Amino acid sequence: MIHKPLRMNTGKNELKFGMYSTLALVILTIITWGIAMIAVPPAGPYCQGDCMSYPFPDILEYYPRDYYWMYISIFQLFAYIIFIVANHFVAPAEKKLFSFLSVVFALISAIVLLIAYFVQFSVVPVSVMHGETDGIALLTQYNGHGIFIALEELGYISMSISFLFLAFIFPMNSRLAKTIRLILLMSLLLTFMSFVFYTVKYGIDRSYRFEVAAISVNWLATISAGILITILFKNKLRMLEQGPSPSI
């Protein structure tokens, strides 16, 4: 019985941590997306003109402009992991299986994307600066069928799956929770539909079309669901603070 106040305080701390970590993720995602919008690919299907082609000799002309968003995205991915773990600890006991699976797929997503981004801005530009261009065409973000795009596709598919499992920790007893669940479920559905659409239309030569769609879907879900989850945590925290103190 003497542990009841401790559990109550722990619940408040977890909700506060979850609320602020979710808000941080939303802000970082908005900043990352805003900066990424200026990095229009100078190669591939969405290039508007003066486009590069294999072996992408003009990489340094777009450095560092096209790499700024990756630096911010590193911190965004750290916030994403913290956000998912915070939800795992806030989730009710009977939903822990779903929240744990969400953590697992979030880790897969973050590890893949962190490797993709860190290698991209730490290896590619400096290698080109030193004239070490062997294999760079396969690594650069401008190659629509290169390693970077493939890693991003895998990373954001895994993120959508993490959102799928996260959706099931939210109950269906309020409009707010229902909306959060719907947004998170739609993330995977739209990612899957995009993959099918671009694969059917372009085959394995879909370039970075699906990658752009997957990023947009997941970042939009992160922002919209994140705002609502922040509100949900705030409401729960207010209710917890206004509730009667447990008896010892």
Protein backbone atom coordinates (compact mmCIF):
# COMPACT_ATOMS: atom_id res chain seq x y z
CA MET A 1 0.00 0.00 0.00
CA ILE A 2 2.87 2.38 0.68
CA HIS A 3 3.78 2.20 -3.04
CA LYS A 4 0.55 3.77 -4.32
CA PRO A 5 1.71 7.41 -4.14
CA LEU A 6 4.92 6.38 -5.92
CA ARG A 7 2.93 4.88 -8.78
CA MET A 8 0.84 8.03 -9.01
CA ASN A 9 3.95 10.25 -9.19
CA THR A 10 5.52 7.93 -11.74
CA GLY A 11 2.38 8.19 -13.89
CA LYS A 12 2.59 11.98 -13.80
CA ASN A 13 6.28 11.94 -14.70
CA GLU A 14 5.72 9.54 -17.60
CA LEU A 15 2.84 11.60 -18.97
CA LYS A 16 4.86 14.82 -18.74
CA PHE A 17 7.83 13.16 -20.42
CA GLY A 18 5.58 11.73 -23.12
CA MET A 19 3.89 15.09 -23.71
CA TYR A 20 7.13 17.06 -24.06
CA SER A 21 8.91 14.40 -26.12
CA THR A 22 5.96 14.23 -28.51
CA LEU A 23 5.91 18.01 -28.86
CA ALA A 24 9.66 18.01 -29.54
CA LEU A 25 9.19 15.39 -32.26
CA VAL A 26 6.46 17.45 -33.92
CA ILE A 27 8.62 20.59 -33.94
CA LEU A 28 11.69 18.78 -35.26
CA THR A 29 9.64 17.09 -37.99
CA ILE A 30 8.19 20.42 -39.14
CA ILE A 31 11.68 21.98 -39.24
CA THR A 32 13.15 18.98 -41.08
CA TRP A 33 10.35 18.97 -43.64
CA GLY A 34 10.63 22.70 -44.20
CA ILE A 35 14.38 22.50 -44.86
CA ALA A 36 13.98 19.39 -47.02
CA MET A 37 11.58 21.28 -49.29
CA ILE A 38 14.43 23.45 -50.57
CA ALA A 39 16.49 20.37 -51.47
CA VAL A 40 14.76 19.71 -54.79
CA PRO A 41 16.61 16.74 -56.35
CA PRO A 42 18.77 17.89 -59.31
CA ALA A 43 18.36 14.43 -60.83
CA GLY A 44 15.63 11.90 -61.44
CA PRO A 45 11.94 12.22 -62.32
CA TYR A 46 11.21 15.36 -60.25
CA CYS A 47 14.15 17.38 -61.57
CA GLN A 48 12.93 20.60 -63.21
CA GLY A 49 15.97 21.29 -65.35
CA ASP A 50 19.79 21.23 -65.52
CA CYS A 51 19.63 17.66 -64.23
CA MET A 52 22.53 15.43 -63.31
CA SER A 53 22.85 11.92 -64.59
CA TYR A 54 25.16 8.98 -63.89
CA PRO A 55 27.87 9.20 -62.56
CA PHE A 56 26.56 12.43 -60.94
CA PRO A 57 29.69 14.57 -61.36
CA ASP A 58 28.26 17.82 -59.94
CA ILE A 59 27.50 16.62 -56.40
CA LEU A 60 29.57 19.36 -54.75
CA GLU A 61 27.55 22.10 -56.48
CA TYR A 62 24.63 21.14 -54.23
CA TYR A 63 26.64 20.80 -51.02
CA PRO A 64 25.76 21.70 -48.32
CA ARG A 65 22.29 22.90 -49.38
CA ASP A 66 20.88 19.43 -50.06
CA TYR A 67 22.33 17.99 -46.85
CA TYR A 68 21.09 20.42 -44.19
CA TRP A 69 17.83 18.54 -43.62
CA MET A 70 19.70 15.30 -42.86
CA TYR A 71 21.51 16.91 -39.94
CA ILE A 72 18.18 17.96 -38.40
CA SER A 73 16.67 14.58 -39.21
CA ILE A 74 19.30 12.88 -37.02
CA PHE A 75 17.84 14.68 -34.01
CA GLN A 76 14.32 14.05 -35.30
CA LEU A 77 14.98 10.31 -35.32
CA PHE A 78 16.34 10.46 -31.77
CA ALA A 79 13.13 12.24 -30.75
CA TYR A 80 11.10 9.60 -32.64
CA ILE A 81 12.65 6.77 -30.60
CA ILE A 82 12.05 8.67 -27.35
CA PHE A 83 8.44 9.31 -28.43
CA ILE A 84 7.77 5.63 -29.14
CA VAL A 85 9.40 4.46 -25.89
CA ALA A 86 7.45 7.05 -23.90
CA ASN A 87 4.21 5.70 -25.37
CA HIS A 88 5.28 2.18 -24.41
CA PHE A 89 5.57 3.18 -20.75
CA VAL A 90 2.29 5.11 -20.79
CA ALA A 91 0.38 2.28 -22.50
CA PRO A 92 -1.91 0.18 -20.28
CA ALA A 93 -0.63 -3.26 -19.27
CA GLU A 94 -2.92 -5.14 -21.67
CA LYS A 95 -1.55 -3.08 -24.59
CA LYS A 96 2.15 -3.55 -23.81
CA LEU A 97 2.58 -6.19 -26.54
CA PHE A 98 1.53 -3.68 -29.21
CA SER A 99 3.63 -0.86 -27.77
CA PHE A 100 6.68 -3.14 -27.50
CA LEU A 101 6.31 -4.20 -31.14
CA SER A 102 6.08 -0.52 -32.01
CA VAL A 103 9.39 0.05 -30.19
CA VAL A 104 11.03 -2.82 -32.11
CA PHE A 105 10.03 -1.54 -35.55
CA ALA A 106 10.88 2.03 -34.52
CA LEU A 107 14.41 0.88 -33.67
CA ILE A 108 14.71 -0.84 -37.07
CA SER A 109 13.50 2.33 -38.79
CA ALA A 110 15.78 4.65 -36.83
CA ILE A 111 18.91 2.51 -37.22
CA VAL A 112 18.43 2.17 -40.99
CA LEU A 113 17.74 5.88 -41.48
CA LEU A 114 20.51 7.04 -39.15
CA ILE A 115 23.01 4.96 -41.12
CA ALA A 116 21.66 6.30 -44.43
CA TYR A 117 21.82 9.96 -43.37
CA PHE A 118 25.10 9.87 -41.44
CA VAL A 119 26.91 8.06 -44.24
CA GLN A 120 25.42 10.41 -46.82
CA PHE A 121 26.68 13.65 -45.30
CA SER A 122 29.84 12.23 -43.72
CA VAL A 123 31.15 10.12 -46.62
CA VAL A 124 29.87 11.31 -49.98
CA PRO A 125 30.85 15.03 -50.08
CA VAL A 126 34.32 14.64 -48.57
CA SER A 127 35.07 11.65 -50.81
CA VAL A 128 34.21 13.70 -53.88
CA MET A 129 36.32 16.60 -52.55
CA HIS A 130 39.32 14.27 -52.42
CA GLY A 131 38.62 12.80 -55.85
CA GLU A 132 37.71 9.42 -54.36
CA THR A 133 34.70 8.84 -56.57
CA ASP A 134 34.78 5.06 -56.94
CA GLY A 135 31.38 3.75 -55.79
CA ILE A 136 30.01 7.23 -55.01
CA ALA A 137 27.36 6.96 -57.72
CA LEU A 138 25.87 4.00 -55.85
CA LEU A 139 25.89 5.86 -52.51
CA THR A 140 24.69 9.33 -53.46
CA GLN A 141 21.15 10.49 -52.72
CA TYR A 142 20.82 11.63 -56.35
CA ASN A 143 20.86 8.04 -57.63
CA GLY A 144 17.21 7.03 -57.82
CA HIS A 145 18.07 3.34 -57.59
CA GLY A 146 21.06 3.66 -55.28
CA ILE A 147 21.68 2.48 -51.74
CA PHE A 148 20.52 5.71 -50.08
CA ILE A 149 17.04 5.58 -51.62
CA ALA A 150 16.69 1.86 -50.83
CA LEU A 151 17.59 2.46 -47.18
CA GLU A 152 15.10 5.31 -46.93
CA GLU A 153 12.36 3.13 -48.39
CA LEU A 154 13.08 0.39 -45.86
CA GLY A 155 13.33 2.89 -43.02
CA TYR A 156 10.00 4.56 -43.70
CA ILE A 157 8.20 1.27 -44.32
CA SER A 158 9.42 0.20 -40.87
CA MET A 159 8.26 3.52 -39.42
CA SER A 160 4.77 2.94 -40.84
CA ILE A 161 4.70 -0.51 -39.24
CA SER A 162 5.73 1.01 -35.90
CA PHE A 163 2.80 3.42 -36.25
CA LEU A 164 0.49 0.48 -36.99
CA PHE A 165 1.28 -1.20 -33.66
CA LEU A 166 1.30 2.12 -31.83
CA ALA A 167 -2.26 2.76 -33.03
CA PHE A 168 -3.61 -0.17 -31.02
CA ILE A 169 -2.55 1.27 -27.65
CA PHE A 170 -5.08 4.08 -28.01
CA PRO A 171 -8.59 3.18 -26.82
CA MET A 172 -11.76 3.77 -28.80
CA ASN A 173 -13.53 5.57 -25.94
CA SER A 174 -13.01 9.14 -27.17
CA ARG A 175 -13.04 11.02 -30.44
CA LEU A 176 -9.49 12.22 -29.86
CA ALA A 177 -8.10 8.71 -29.33
CA LYS A 178 -10.08 7.38 -32.31
CA THR A 179 -8.64 10.10 -34.55
CA ILE A 180 -5.09 9.32 -33.40
CA ARG A 181 -5.61 5.62 -34.11
CA LEU A 182 -7.05 6.38 -37.56
CA ILE A 183 -4.13 8.63 -38.52
CA LEU A 184 -1.55 6.05 -37.44
CA LEU A 185 -3.34 3.23 -39.26
CA MET A 186 -3.70 5.34 -42.40
CA SER A 187 0.06 5.89 -42.39
CA LEU A 188 0.74 2.22 -43.11
CA LEU A 189 -2.16 1.93 -45.53
CA LEU A 190 -1.04 4.91 -47.62
CA THR A 191 2.59 3.78 -47.55
CA PHE A 192 1.58 0.32 -48.75
CA MET A 193 -0.70 1.74 -51.44
CA SER A 194 2.08 4.05 -52.65
CA PHE A 195 4.51 1.16 -52.87
CA VAL A 196 2.04 -0.93 -54.86
CA PHE A 197 1.13 1.98 -57.15
CA TYR A 198 4.69 2.96 -58.07
CA THR A 199 5.84 -0.65 -58.34
CA VAL A 200 2.98 -1.56 -60.68
CA LYS A 201 3.47 1.58 -62.78
CA TYR A 202 7.27 1.65 -62.95
CA GLY A 203 8.40 -1.81 -61.85
CA ILE A 204 11.73 -1.94 -60.06
CA ASP A 205 12.75 1.30 -61.78
CA ARG A 206 10.45 3.43 -59.61
CA SER A 207 13.38 5.76 -58.80
CA TYR A 208 12.78 7.89 -55.70
CA ARG A 209 9.05 8.35 -56.34
CA PHE A 210 7.97 5.93 -53.61
CA GLU A 211 10.64 7.26 -51.23
CA VAL A 212 9.20 10.79 -51.51
CA ALA A 213 5.67 9.47 -50.98
CA ALA A 214 6.70 7.39 -47.96
CA ILE A 215 8.52 10.30 -46.32
CA SER A 216 5.56 12.61 -46.89
CA VAL A 217 3.04 10.15 -45.49
CA ASN A 218 5.08 9.34 -42.39
CA TRP A 219 6.06 12.92 -41.62
CA LEU A 220 2.48 14.10 -42.06
CA ALA A 221 1.29 11.32 -39.73
CA THR A 222 4.02 12.23 -37.23
CA ILE A 223 2.97 15.88 -37.15
CA SER A 224 -0.81 15.40 -37.10
CA ALA A 225 -0.89 12.43 -34.71
CA GLY A 226 1.86 14.00 -32.59
CA ILE A 227 -0.17 17.17 -32.02
CA LEU A 228 -3.20 15.11 -30.98
CA ILE A 229 -1.14 12.81 -28.74
CA THR A 230 0.33 15.87 -27.02
CA ILE A 231 -3.20 17.10 -26.33
CA LEU A 232 -4.23 13.63 -25.12
CA PHE A 233 -1.28 13.45 -22.71
CA LYS A 234 -2.06 16.95 -21.44
CA ASN A 235 -5.69 16.01 -20.82
CA LYS A 236 -4.72 12.81 -19.00
CA LEU A 237 -2.19 14.70 -16.92
CA ARG A 238 -4.80 17.29 -15.94
CA MET A 239 -7.25 14.57 -14.95
CA LEU A 240 -4.57 12.80 -12.93
CA GLU A 241 -3.61 15.96 -11.10
CA GLN A 242 -7.23 16.83 -10.34
CA GLY A 243 -8.11 13.32 -9.15
CA PRO A 244 -8.36 12.34 -5.51
CA SER A 245 -5.16 11.37 -3.76
CA PRO A 246 -4.92 7.63 -3.16
CA SER A 247 -5.16 6.48 0.43
CA ILE A 248 -2.15 4.87 2.01
